[in-house]
Amino acid sequence: MKLWLLAFVGAAITEIAGCFAFWAWLRLGKSILWLVPGMISLALFAWFLTLVDTEHAGRSYATYGGIYIVAAIFWLWLAEGVRPDRWDLIGAAICIAGAGVILFGPRAAA
């Protein structure tokens, strides 16, 4: 598997887990101690994005957005038990296509 794909998948998992820790504390009444692994997870998320070999951070973040959306749909299904409907899947496919255009689109030499 390519490093950039592993970095994006790692970023998605750690961002969703970190954000869920805050959700659990604020919305599900879990202990404030949930924030400790949540903040560590969010720091790992930021680190993962630095592993993507792009010339500009903005392109890395934009591409990651598509990966994140797909990961969030998987979270919806696997962690929350809500099966994605066709609109979730169509939207995720559009986002992945857009991420591919951003990441792999031909660029003029600077």
PDB file of N, CA and C in Angstrom:
ATOM      1  N   MET A   1       0.845  -1.180   0.000  1.00  0.00           N
ATOM      2  CA  MET A   1       0.000   0.000   0.000  1.00  0.00           C
ATOM      3  C   MET A   1       0.892   1.246   0.000  1.00  0.00           C
ATOM      4  N   LYS A   2       0.511   2.244  -0.721  1.00  0.00           N
ATOM      5  CA  LYS A   2       1.289   3.476  -0.831  1.00  0.00           C
ATOM      6  C   LYS A   2       1.294   4.226   0.504  1.00  0.00           C
ATOM      7  N   LEU A   3       2.410   4.914   0.786  1.00  0.00           N
ATOM      8  CA  LEU A   3       2.537   5.671   2.026  1.00  0.00           C
ATOM      9  C   LEU A   3       1.461   6.743   2.140  1.00  0.00           C
ATOM     10  N   TRP A   4       1.174   7.435   1.042  1.00  0.00           N
ATOM     11  CA  TRP A   4       0.182   8.507   1.110  1.00  0.00           C
ATOM     12  C   TRP A   4      -1.193   7.960   1.496  1.00  0.00           C
ATOM     13  N   LEU A   5      -1.534   6.766   1.007  1.00  0.00           N
ATOM     14  CA  LEU A   5      -2.825   6.181   1.349  1.00  0.00           C
ATOM     15  C   LEU A   5      -2.855   5.770   2.819  1.00  0.00           C
ATOM     16  N   LEU A   6      -1.766   5.169   3.296  1.00  0.00           N
ATOM     17  CA  LEU A   6      -1.682   4.817   4.714  1.00  0.00           C
ATOM     18  C   LEU A   6      -1.774   6.060   5.590  1.00  0.00           C
ATOM     19  N   ALA A   7      -1.123   7.142   5.167  1.00  0.00           N
ATOM     20  CA  ALA A   7      -1.174   8.388   5.937  1.00  0.00           C
ATOM     21  C   ALA A   7      -2.593   8.931   5.996  1.00  0.00           C
ATOM     22  N   PHE A   8      -3.298   8.926   4.865  1.00  0.00           N
ATOM     23  CA  PHE A   8      -4.671   9.423   4.855  1.00  0.00           C
ATOM     24  C   PHE A   8      -5.602   8.540   5.681  1.00  0.00           C
ATOM     25  N   VAL A   9      -5.446   7.236   5.581  1.00  0.00           N
ATOM     26  CA  VAL A   9      -6.285   6.325   6.371  1.00  0.00           C
ATOM     27  C   VAL A   9      -5.980   6.505   7.861  1.00  0.00           C
ATOM     28  N   GLY A  10      -4.704   6.598   8.209  1.00  0.00           N
ATOM     29  CA  GLY A  10      -4.335   6.842   9.602  1.00  0.00           C
ATOM     30  C   GLY A  10      -4.904   8.154  10.111  1.00  0.00           C
ATOM     31  N   ALA A  11      -4.831   9.192   9.273  1.00  0.00           N
ATOM     32  CA  ALA A  11      -5.385  10.494   9.655  1.00  0.00           C
ATOM     33  C   ALA A  11      -6.886  10.401   9.877  1.00  0.00           C
ATOM     34  N   ALA A  12      -7.575   9.700   9.009  1.00  0.00           N
ATOM     35  CA  ALA A  12      -9.027   9.579   9.141  1.00  0.00           C
ATOM     36  C   ALA A  12      -9.409   8.845  10.424  1.00  0.00           C
ATOM     37  N   ILE A  13      -8.742   7.741  10.686  1.00  0.00           N
ATOM     38  CA  ILE A  13      -9.063   6.966  11.891  1.00  0.00           C
ATOM     39  C   ILE A  13      -8.786   7.788  13.145  1.00  0.00           C
ATOM     40  N   THR A  14      -7.635   8.450  13.191  1.00  0.00           N
ATOM     41  CA  THR A  14      -7.295   9.204  14.393  1.00  0.00           C
ATOM     42  C   THR A  14      -8.156  10.457  14.551  1.00  0.00           C
ATOM     43  N   GLU A  15      -8.524  11.101  13.456  1.00  0.00           N
ATOM     44  CA  GLU A  15      -9.393  12.277  13.584  1.00  0.00           C
ATOM     45  C   GLU A  15     -10.781  11.870  14.065  1.00  0.00           C
ATOM     46  N   ILE A  16     -11.339  10.853  13.468  1.00  0.00           N
ATOM     47  CA  ILE A  16     -12.677  10.426  13.874  1.00  0.00           C
ATOM     48  C   ILE A  16     -12.668   9.949  15.325  1.00  0.00           C
ATOM     49  N   ALA A  17     -11.658   9.174  15.701  1.00  0.00           N
ATOM     50  CA  ALA A  17     -11.572   8.695  17.092  1.00  0.00           C
ATOM     51  C   ALA A  17     -11.419   9.864  18.063  1.00  0.00           C
ATOM     52  N   GLY A  18     -10.575  10.820  17.714  1.00  0.00           N
ATOM     53  CA  GLY A  18     -10.383  11.977  18.584  1.00  0.00           C
ATOM     54  C   GLY A  18     -11.641  12.813  18.724  1.00  0.00           C
ATOM     55  N   CYS A  19     -12.305  13.054  17.632  1.00  0.00           N
ATOM     56  CA  CYS A  19     -13.552  13.820  17.683  1.00  0.00           C
ATOM     57  C   CYS A  19     -14.643  13.052  18.420  1.00  0.00           C
ATOM     58  N   PHE A  20     -14.663  11.730  18.248  1.00  0.00           N
ATOM     59  CA  PHE A  20     -15.661  10.931  18.952  1.00  0.00           C
ATOM     60  C   PHE A  20     -15.446  10.992  20.463  1.00  0.00           C
ATOM     61  N   ALA A  21     -14.190  11.088  20.906  1.00  0.00           N
ATOM     62  CA  ALA A  21     -13.922  11.207  22.342  1.00  0.00           C
ATOM     63  C   ALA A  21     -14.592  12.463  22.905  1.00  0.00           C
ATOM     64  N   PHE A  22     -14.513  13.569  22.165  1.00  0.00           N
ATOM     65  CA  PHE A  22     -15.190  14.785  22.608  1.00  0.00           C
ATOM     66  C   PHE A  22     -16.714  14.609  22.563  1.00  0.00           C
ATOM     67  N   TRP A  23     -17.212  13.968  21.521  1.00  0.00           N
ATOM     68  CA  TRP A  23     -18.650  13.684  21.389  1.00  0.00           C
ATOM     69  C   TRP A  23     -19.121  12.848  22.581  1.00  0.00           C
ATOM     70  N   ALA A  24     -18.346  11.821  22.914  1.00  0.00           N
ATOM     71  CA  ALA A  24     -18.719  10.935  24.022  1.00  0.00           C
ATOM     72  C   ALA A  24     -18.778  11.709  25.334  1.00  0.00           C
ATOM     73  N   TRP A  25     -17.813  12.595  25.542  1.00  0.00           N
ATOM     74  CA  TRP A  25     -17.794  13.384  26.774  1.00  0.00           C
ATOM     75  C   TRP A  25     -18.967  14.362  26.824  1.00  0.00           C
ATOM     76  N   LEU A  26     -19.169  15.117  25.747  1.00  0.00           N
ATOM     77  CA  LEU A  26     -20.176  16.174  25.763  1.00  0.00           C
ATOM     78  C   LEU A  26     -21.598  15.689  25.486  1.00  0.00           C
ATOM     79  N   ARG A  27     -21.745  14.679  24.654  1.00  0.00           N
ATOM     80  CA  ARG A  27     -23.090  14.272  24.244  1.00  0.00           C
ATOM     81  C   ARG A  27     -23.559  12.965  24.873  1.00  0.00           C
ATOM     82  N   LEU A  28     -22.610  12.115  25.267  1.00  0.00           N
ATOM     83  CA  LEU A  28     -22.991  10.823  25.820  1.00  0.00           C
ATOM     84  C   LEU A  28     -22.741  10.719  27.324  1.00  0.00           C
ATOM     85  N   GLY A  29     -22.261  11.813  27.921  1.00  0.00           N
ATOM     86  CA  GLY A  29     -22.060  11.839  29.364  1.00  0.00           C
ATOM     87  C   GLY A  29     -20.889  11.007  29.868  1.00  0.00           C
ATOM     88  N   LYS A  30     -19.922  10.727  29.023  1.00  0.00           N
ATOM     89  CA  LYS A  30     -18.738   9.972  29.447  1.00  0.00           C
ATOM     90  C   LYS A  30     -17.820  10.873  30.282  1.00  0.00           C
ATOM     91  N   SER A  31     -16.877  10.258  30.964  1.00  0.00           N
ATOM     92  CA  SER A  31     -15.929  10.968  31.813  1.00  0.00           C
ATOM     93  C   SER A  31     -15.088  11.947  31.003  1.00  0.00           C
ATOM     94  N   ILE A  32     -14.688  13.023  31.645  1.00  0.00           N
ATOM     95  CA  ILE A  32     -13.804  13.996  31.010  1.00  0.00           C
ATOM     96  C   ILE A  32     -12.455  13.361  30.648  1.00  0.00           C
ATOM     97  N   LEU A  33     -12.137  12.243  31.274  1.00  0.00           N
ATOM     98  CA  LEU A  33     -10.894  11.538  30.958  1.00  0.00           C
ATOM     99  C   LEU A  33     -10.867  11.020  29.529  1.00  0.00           C
ATOM    100  N   TRP A  34     -12.021  10.936  28.882  1.00  0.00           N
ATOM    101  CA  TRP A  34     -12.068  10.560  27.472  1.00  0.00           C
ATOM    102  C   TRP A  34     -11.292  11.555  26.614  1.00  0.00           C
ATOM    103  N   LEU A  35     -11.119  12.780  27.125  1.00  0.00           N
ATOM    104  CA  LEU A  35     -10.429  13.800  26.342  1.00  0.00           C
ATOM    105  C   LEU A  35      -8.928  13.530  26.209  1.00  0.00           C
ATOM    106  N   VAL A  36      -8.348  12.814  27.152  1.00  0.00           N
ATOM    107  CA  VAL A  36      -6.906  12.539  27.078  1.00  0.00           C
ATOM    108  C   VAL A  36      -6.577  11.722  25.824  1.00  0.00           C
ATOM    109  N   PRO A  37      -7.161  10.539  25.632  1.00  0.00           N
ATOM    110  CA  PRO A  37      -6.860   9.831  24.387  1.00  0.00           C
ATOM    111  C   PRO A  37      -7.391  10.577  23.163  1.00  0.00           C
ATOM    112  N   GLY A  38      -8.458  11.348  23.358  1.00  0.00           N
ATOM    113  CA  GLY A  38      -8.993  12.127  22.241  1.00  0.00           C
ATOM    114  C   GLY A  38      -7.998  13.153  21.735  1.00  0.00           C
ATOM    115  N   MET A  39      -7.349  13.855  22.643  1.00  0.00           N
ATOM    116  CA  MET A  39      -6.369  14.873  22.234  1.00  0.00           C
ATOM    117  C   MET A  39      -5.112  14.228  21.646  1.00  0.00           C
ATOM    118  N   ILE A  40      -4.711  13.103  22.207  1.00  0.00           N
ATOM    119  CA  ILE A  40      -3.568  12.380  21.627  1.00  0.00           C
ATOM    120  C   ILE A  40      -3.893  11.940  20.210  1.00  0.00           C
ATOM    121  N   SER A  41      -5.105  11.441  20.028  1.00  0.00           N
ATOM    122  CA  SER A  41      -5.541  10.993  18.713  1.00  0.00           C
ATOM    123  C   SER A  41      -5.554  12.149  17.713  1.00  0.00           C
ATOM    124  N   LEU A  42      -6.026  13.317  18.145  1.00  0.00           N
ATOM    125  CA  LEU A  42      -6.059  14.475  17.244  1.00  0.00           C
ATOM    126  C   LEU A  42      -4.648  14.966  16.904  1.00  0.00           C
ATOM    127  N   ALA A  43      -3.713  14.854  17.843  1.00  0.00           N
ATOM    128  CA  ALA A  43      -2.325  15.206  17.541  1.00  0.00           C
ATOM    129  C   ALA A  43      -1.745  14.230  16.515  1.00  0.00           C
ATOM    130  N   LEU A  44      -2.049  12.948  16.657  1.00  0.00           N
ATOM    131  CA  LEU A  44      -1.602  11.954  15.672  1.00  0.00           C
ATOM    132  C   LEU A  44      -2.207  12.237  14.300  1.00  0.00           C
ATOM    133  N   PHE A  45      -3.458  12.662  14.284  1.00  0.00           N
ATOM    134  CA  PHE A  45      -4.115  13.030  13.026  1.00  0.00           C
ATOM    135  C   PHE A  45      -3.298  14.092  12.291  1.00  0.00           C
ATOM    136  N   ALA A  46      -2.903  15.138  12.993  1.00  0.00           N
ATOM    137  CA  ALA A  46      -2.135  16.209  12.363  1.00  0.00           C
ATOM    138  C   ALA A  46      -0.784  15.684  11.869  1.00  0.00           C
ATOM    139  N   TRP A  47      -0.159  14.823  12.646  1.00  0.00           N
ATOM    140  CA  TRP A  47       1.128  14.250  12.244  1.00  0.00           C
ATOM    141  C   TRP A  47       0.985  13.408  10.980  1.00  0.00           C
ATOM    142  N   PHE A  48      -0.072  12.591  10.919  1.00  0.00           N
ATOM    143  CA  PHE A  48      -0.282  11.757   9.733  1.00  0.00           C
ATOM    144  C   PHE A  48      -0.356  12.606   8.463  1.00  0.00           C
ATOM    145  N   LEU A  49      -1.013  13.748   8.531  1.00  0.00           N
ATOM    146  CA  LEU A  49      -1.136  14.579   7.326  1.00  0.00           C
ATOM    147  C   LEU A  49       0.210  15.113   6.855  1.00  0.00           C
ATOM    148  N   THR A  50       1.182  15.232   7.769  1.00  0.00           N
ATOM    149  CA  THR A  50       2.504  15.704   7.341  1.00  0.00           C
ATOM    150  C   THR A  50       3.270  14.638   6.571  1.00  0.00           C
ATOM    151  N   LEU A  51       2.820  13.392   6.610  1.00  0.00           N
ATOM    152  CA  LEU A  51       3.514  12.299   5.924  1.00  0.00           C
ATOM    153  C   LEU A  51       3.196  12.229   4.430  1.00  0.00           C
ATOM    154  N   VAL A  52       2.174  12.955   4.003  1.00  0.00           N
ATOM    155  CA  VAL A  52       1.794  12.946   2.592  1.00  0.00           C
ATOM    156  C   VAL A  52       2.755  13.845   1.825  1.00  0.00           C
ATOM    157  N   ASP A  53       3.366  13.280   0.792  1.00  0.00           N
ATOM    158  CA  ASP A  53       4.385  13.992   0.023  1.00  0.00           C
ATOM    159  C   ASP A  53       3.731  14.854  -1.053  1.00  0.00           C
ATOM    160  N   THR A  54       3.320  16.036  -0.657  1.00  0.00           N
ATOM    161  CA  THR A  54       2.809  17.024  -1.607  1.00  0.00           C
ATOM    162  C   THR A  54       3.595  18.310  -1.398  1.00  0.00           C
ATOM    163  N   GLU A  55       3.639  19.118  -2.434  1.00  0.00           N
ATOM    164  CA  GLU A  55       4.383  20.370  -2.353  1.00  0.00           C
ATOM    165  C   GLU A  55       3.661  21.397  -1.490  1.00  0.00           C
ATOM    166  N   HIS A  56       2.347  21.315  -1.436  1.00  0.00           N
ATOM    167  CA  HIS A  56       1.550  22.312  -0.719  1.00  0.00           C
ATOM    168  C   HIS A  56       0.608  21.623   0.262  1.00  0.00           C
ATOM    169  N   ALA A  57       0.569  22.120   1.476  1.00  0.00           N
ATOM    170  CA  ALA A  57      -0.269  21.541   2.524  1.00  0.00           C
ATOM    171  C   ALA A  57      -1.752  21.577   2.135  1.00  0.00           C
ATOM    172  N   GLY A  58      -2.179  22.638   1.492  1.00  0.00           N
ATOM    173  CA  GLY A  58      -3.590  22.770   1.129  1.00  0.00           C
ATOM    174  C   GLY A  58      -4.084  21.631   0.249  1.00  0.00           C
ATOM    175  N   ARG A  59      -3.243  21.168  -0.673  1.00  0.00           N
ATOM    176  CA  ARG A  59      -3.644  20.041  -1.519  1.00  0.00           C
ATOM    177  C   ARG A  59      -3.764  18.769  -0.701  1.00  0.00           C
ATOM    178  N   SER A  60      -2.868  18.595   0.234  1.00  0.00           N
ATOM    179  CA  SER A  60      -2.938  17.428   1.106  1.00  0.00           C
ATOM    180  C   SER A  60      -4.236  17.461   1.912  1.00  0.00           C
ATOM    181  N   TYR A  61      -4.560  18.610   2.462  1.00  0.00           N
ATOM    182  CA  TYR A  61      -5.785  18.732   3.269  1.00  0.00           C
ATOM    183  C   TYR A  61      -7.036  18.537   2.413  1.00  0.00           C
ATOM    184  N   ALA A  62      -7.024  19.105   1.219  1.00  0.00           N
ATOM    185  CA  ALA A  62      -8.180  18.973   0.331  1.00  0.00           C
ATOM    186  C   ALA A  62      -8.395  17.521  -0.083  1.00  0.00           C
ATOM    187  N   THR A  63      -7.302  16.845  -0.423  1.00  0.00           N
ATOM    188  CA  THR A  63      -7.405  15.435  -0.790  1.00  0.00           C
ATOM    189  C   THR A  63      -7.901  14.622   0.397  1.00  0.00           C
ATOM    190  N   TYR A  64      -7.367  14.922   1.569  1.00  0.00           N
ATOM    191  CA  TYR A  64      -7.771  14.210   2.776  1.00  0.00           C
ATOM    192  C   TYR A  64      -9.276  14.336   3.021  1.00  0.00           C
ATOM    193  N   GLY A  65      -9.854  15.468   2.654  1.00  0.00           N
ATOM    194  CA  GLY A  65     -11.288  15.666   2.865  1.00  0.00           C
ATOM    195  C   GLY A  65     -12.125  14.548   2.255  1.00  0.00           C
ATOM    196  N   GLY A  66     -11.765  14.112   1.061  1.00  0.00           N
ATOM    197  CA  GLY A  66     -12.492  13.018   0.414  1.00  0.00           C
ATOM    198  C   GLY A  66     -12.319  11.710   1.166  1.00  0.00           C
ATOM    199  N   ILE A  67     -11.097  11.445   1.612  1.00  0.00           N
ATOM    200  CA  ILE A  67     -10.824  10.221   2.381  1.00  0.00           C
ATOM    201  C   ILE A  67     -11.602  10.257   3.691  1.00  0.00           C
ATOM    202  N   TYR A  68     -11.624  11.423   4.334  1.00  0.00           N
ATOM    203  CA  TYR A  68     -12.334  11.574   5.604  1.00  0.00           C
ATOM    204  C   TYR A  68     -13.826  11.268   5.438  1.00  0.00           C
ATOM    205  N   ILE A  69     -14.409  11.754   4.384  1.00  0.00           N
ATOM    206  CA  ILE A  69     -15.845  11.534   4.167  1.00  0.00           C
ATOM    207  C   ILE A  69     -16.144  10.046   4.032  1.00  0.00           C
ATOM    208  N   VAL A  70     -15.325   9.331   3.286  1.00  0.00           N
ATOM    209  CA  VAL A  70     -15.521   7.884   3.151  1.00  0.00           C
ATOM    210  C   VAL A  70     -15.346   7.199   4.511  1.00  0.00           C
ATOM    211  N   ALA A  71     -14.323   7.604   5.259  1.00  0.00           N
ATOM    212  CA  ALA A  71     -14.095   7.020   6.588  1.00  0.00           C
ATOM    213  C   ALA A  71     -15.272   7.309   7.519  1.00  0.00           C
ATOM    214  N   ALA A  72     -15.844   8.498   7.435  1.00  0.00           N
ATOM    215  CA  ALA A  72     -16.987   8.842   8.278  1.00  0.00           C
ATOM    216  C   ALA A  72     -18.204   7.980   7.934  1.00  0.00           C
ATOM    217  N   ILE A  73     -18.378   7.653   6.662  1.00  0.00           N
ATOM    218  CA  ILE A  73     -19.477   6.768   6.264  1.00  0.00           C
ATOM    219  C   ILE A  73     -19.244   5.368   6.837  1.00  0.00           C
ATOM    220  N   PHE A  74     -17.987   4.895   6.805  1.00  0.00           N
ATOM    221  CA  PHE A  74     -17.685   3.609   7.435  1.00  0.00           C
ATOM    222  C   PHE A  74     -17.946   3.669   8.936  1.00  0.00           C
ATOM    223  N   TRP A  75     -17.581   4.761   9.584  1.00  0.00           N
ATOM    224  CA  TRP A  75     -17.831   4.937  11.027  1.00  0.00           C
ATOM    225  C   TRP A  75     -19.329   4.854  11.302  1.00  0.00           C
ATOM    226  N   LEU A  76     -20.103   5.544  10.492  1.00  0.00           N
ATOM    227  CA  LEU A  76     -21.560   5.518  10.625  1.00  0.00           C
ATOM    228  C   LEU A  76     -22.068   4.084  10.644  1.00  0.00           C
ATOM    229  N   TRP A  77     -21.528   3.278   9.740  1.00  0.00           N
ATOM    230  CA  TRP A  77     -21.968   1.898   9.579  1.00  0.00           C
ATOM    231  C   TRP A  77     -21.418   1.001  10.680  1.00  0.00           C
ATOM    232  N   LEU A  78     -20.095   1.022  10.882  1.00  0.00           N
ATOM    233  CA  LEU A  78     -19.453   0.071  11.785  1.00  0.00           C
ATOM    234  C   LEU A  78     -19.594   0.446  13.260  1.00  0.00           C
ATOM    235  N   ALA A  79     -19.443   1.720  13.592  1.00  0.00           N
ATOM    236  CA  ALA A  79     -19.466   2.123  14.999  1.00  0.00           C
ATOM    237  C   ALA A  79     -20.865   2.498  15.488  1.00  0.00           C
ATOM    238  N   GLU A  80     -21.665   3.079  14.591  1.00  0.00           N
ATOM    239  CA  GLU A  80     -22.985   3.539  15.013  1.00  0.00           C
ATOM    240  C   GLU A  80     -24.110   2.611  14.573  1.00  0.00           C
ATOM    241  N   GLY A  81     -23.792   1.634  13.759  1.00  0.00           N
ATOM    242  CA  GLY A  81     -24.789   0.655  13.351  1.00  0.00           C
ATOM    243  C   GLY A  81     -25.832   1.160  12.380  1.00  0.00           C
ATOM    244  N   VAL A  82     -25.531   2.256  11.676  1.00  0.00           N
ATOM    245  CA  VAL A  82     -26.461   2.812  10.696  1.00  0.00           C
ATOM    246  C   VAL A  82     -25.924   2.487   9.312  1.00  0.00           C
ATOM    247  N   ARG A  83     -26.668   1.709   8.569  1.00  0.00           N
ATOM    248  CA  ARG A  83     -26.226   1.327   7.230  1.00  0.00           C
ATOM    249  C   ARG A  83     -26.334   2.512   6.272  1.00  0.00           C
ATOM    250  N   PRO A  84     -25.247   2.827   5.569  1.00  0.00           N
ATOM    251  CA  PRO A  84     -25.297   3.944   4.625  1.00  0.00           C
ATOM    252  C   PRO A  84     -26.325   3.685   3.520  1.00  0.00           C
ATOM    253  N   ASP A  85     -27.037   4.731   3.147  1.00  0.00           N
ATOM    254  CA  ASP A  85     -27.986   4.574   2.039  1.00  0.00           C
ATOM    255  C   ASP A  85     -27.293   4.952   0.724  1.00  0.00           C
ATOM    256  N   ARG A  86     -28.034   4.862  -0.353  1.00  0.00           N
ATOM    257  CA  ARG A  86     -27.420   5.108  -1.663  1.00  0.00           C
ATOM    258  C   ARG A  86     -26.897   6.533  -1.788  1.00  0.00           C
ATOM    259  N   TRP A  87     -27.540   7.486  -1.120  1.00  0.00           N
ATOM    260  CA  TRP A  87     -27.085   8.871  -1.205  1.00  0.00           C
ATOM    261  C   TRP A  87     -25.772   9.061  -0.459  1.00  0.00           C
ATOM    262  N   ASP A  88     -25.600   8.369   0.654  1.00  0.00           N
ATOM    263  CA  ASP A  88     -24.312   8.384   1.355  1.00  0.00           C
ATOM    264  C   ASP A  88     -23.219   7.847   0.439  1.00  0.00           C
ATOM    265  N   LEU A  89     -23.504   6.735  -0.222  1.00  0.00           N
ATOM    266  CA  LEU A  89     -22.507   6.081  -1.072  1.00  0.00           C
ATOM    267  C   LEU A  89     -22.201   6.899  -2.326  1.00  0.00           C
ATOM    268  N   ILE A  90     -23.226   7.475  -2.927  1.00  0.00           N
ATOM    269  CA  ILE A  90     -23.010   8.320  -4.112  1.00  0.00           C
ATOM    270  C   ILE A  90     -22.190   9.549  -3.730  1.00  0.00           C
ATOM    271  N   GLY A  91     -22.537  10.184  -2.623  1.00  0.00           N
ATOM    272  CA  GLY A  91     -21.795  11.353  -2.166  1.00  0.00           C
ATOM    273  C   GLY A  91     -20.343  11.023  -1.869  1.00  0.00           C
ATOM    274  N   ALA A  92     -20.109   9.879  -1.214  1.00  0.00           N
ATOM    275  CA  ALA A  92     -18.739   9.463  -0.901  1.00  0.00           C
ATOM    276  C   ALA A  92     -17.947   9.200  -2.183  1.00  0.00           C
ATOM    277  N   ALA A  93     -18.593   8.578  -3.168  1.00  0.00           N
ATOM    278  CA  ALA A  93     -17.907   8.303  -4.440  1.00  0.00           C
ATOM    279  C   ALA A  93     -17.523   9.602  -5.151  1.00  0.00           C
ATOM    280  N   ILE A  94     -18.410  10.582  -5.117  1.00  0.00           N
ATOM    281  CA  ILE A  94     -18.103  11.881  -5.723  1.00  0.00           C
ATOM    282  C   ILE A  94     -16.910  12.524  -5.016  1.00  0.00           C
ATOM    283  N   CYS A  95     -16.892  12.427  -3.697  1.00  0.00           N
ATOM    284  CA  CYS A  95     -15.790  13.019  -2.931  1.00  0.00           C
ATOM    285  C   CYS A  95     -14.463  12.335  -3.227  1.00  0.00           C
ATOM    286  N   ILE A  96     -14.468  11.024  -3.338  1.00  0.00           N
ATOM    287  CA  ILE A  96     -13.242  10.292  -3.659  1.00  0.00           C
ATOM    288  C   ILE A  96     -12.755  10.662  -5.063  1.00  0.00           C
ATOM    289  N   ALA A  97     -13.698  10.798  -5.991  1.00  0.00           N
ATOM    290  CA  ALA A  97     -13.307  11.213  -7.348  1.00  0.00           C
ATOM    291  C   ALA A  97     -12.654  12.595  -7.297  1.00  0.00           C
ATOM    292  N   GLY A  98     -13.233  13.510  -6.551  1.00  0.00           N
ATOM    293  CA  GLY A  98     -12.654  14.845  -6.413  1.00  0.00           C
ATOM    294  C   GLY A  98     -11.288  14.818  -5.763  1.00  0.00           C
ATOM    295  N   ALA A  99     -11.133  13.990  -4.736  1.00  0.00           N
ATOM    296  CA  ALA A  99      -9.830  13.862  -4.065  1.00  0.00           C
ATOM    297  C   ALA A  99      -8.782  13.343  -5.046  1.00  0.00           C
ATOM    298  N   GLY A 100      -9.164  12.395  -5.891  1.00  0.00           N
ATOM    299  CA  GLY A 100      -8.239  11.861  -6.894  1.00  0.00           C
ATOM    300  C   GLY A 100      -7.805  12.914  -7.890  1.00  0.00           C
ATOM    301  N   VAL A 101      -8.745  13.754  -8.311  1.00  0.00           N
ATOM    302  CA  VAL A 101      -8.406  14.836  -9.241  1.00  0.00           C
ATOM    303  C   VAL A 101      -7.410  15.785  -8.589  1.00  0.00           C
ATOM    304  N   ILE A 102      -7.643  16.127  -7.329  1.00  0.00           N
ATOM    305  CA  ILE A 102      -6.739  17.052  -6.634  1.00  0.00           C
ATOM    306  C   ILE A 102      -5.357  16.437  -6.467  1.00  0.00           C
ATOM    307  N   LEU A 103      -5.297  15.170  -6.042  1.00  0.00           N
ATOM    308  CA  LEU A 103      -4.012  14.537  -5.758  1.00  0.00           C
ATOM    309  C   LEU A 103      -3.230  14.188  -7.018  1.00  0.00           C
ATOM    310  N   PHE A 104      -3.926  13.681  -8.033  1.00  0.00           N
ATOM    311  CA  PHE A 104      -3.223  13.149  -9.198  1.00  0.00           C
ATOM    312  C   PHE A 104      -3.311  14.014 -10.450  1.00  0.00           C
ATOM    313  N   GLY A 105      -4.007  15.138 -10.371  1.00  0.00           N
ATOM    314  CA  GLY A 105      -4.143  15.997 -11.545  1.00  0.00           C
ATOM    315  C   GLY A 105      -2.796  16.493 -12.048  1.00  0.00           C
ATOM    316  N   PRO A 106      -2.652  16.594 -13.375  1.00  0.00           N
ATOM    317  CA  PRO A 106      -1.370  17.069 -13.919  1.00  0.00           C
ATOM    318  C   PRO A 106      -1.129  18.523 -13.507  1.00  0.00           C
ATOM    319  N   ARG A 107       0.076  18.811 -13.131  1.00  0.00           N
ATOM    320  CA  ARG A 107       0.439  20.158 -12.702  1.00  0.00           C
ATOM    321  C   ARG A 107       1.547  20.680 -13.618  1.00  0.00           C
ATOM    322  N   ALA A 108       1.461  21.948 -13.907  1.00  0.00           N
ATOM    323  CA  ALA A 108       2.534  22.587 -14.679  1.00  0.00           C
ATOM    324  C   ALA A 108       3.763  22.689 -13.786  1.00  0.00           C
ATOM    325  N   ALA A 109       4.927  22.488 -14.369  1.00  0.00           N
ATOM    326  CA  ALA A 109       6.177  22.610 -13.608  1.00  0.00           C
ATOM    327  C   ALA A 109       6.357  24.052 -13.176  1.00  0.00           C
ATOM    328  N   ALA A 110       6.715  24.227 -11.910  1.00  0.00           N
ATOM    329  CA  ALA A 110       6.881  25.585 -11.383  1.00  0.00           C
ATOM    330  C   ALA A 110       8.250  26.141 -11.700  1.00  0.00           C
TER     331      ALA A 110
END
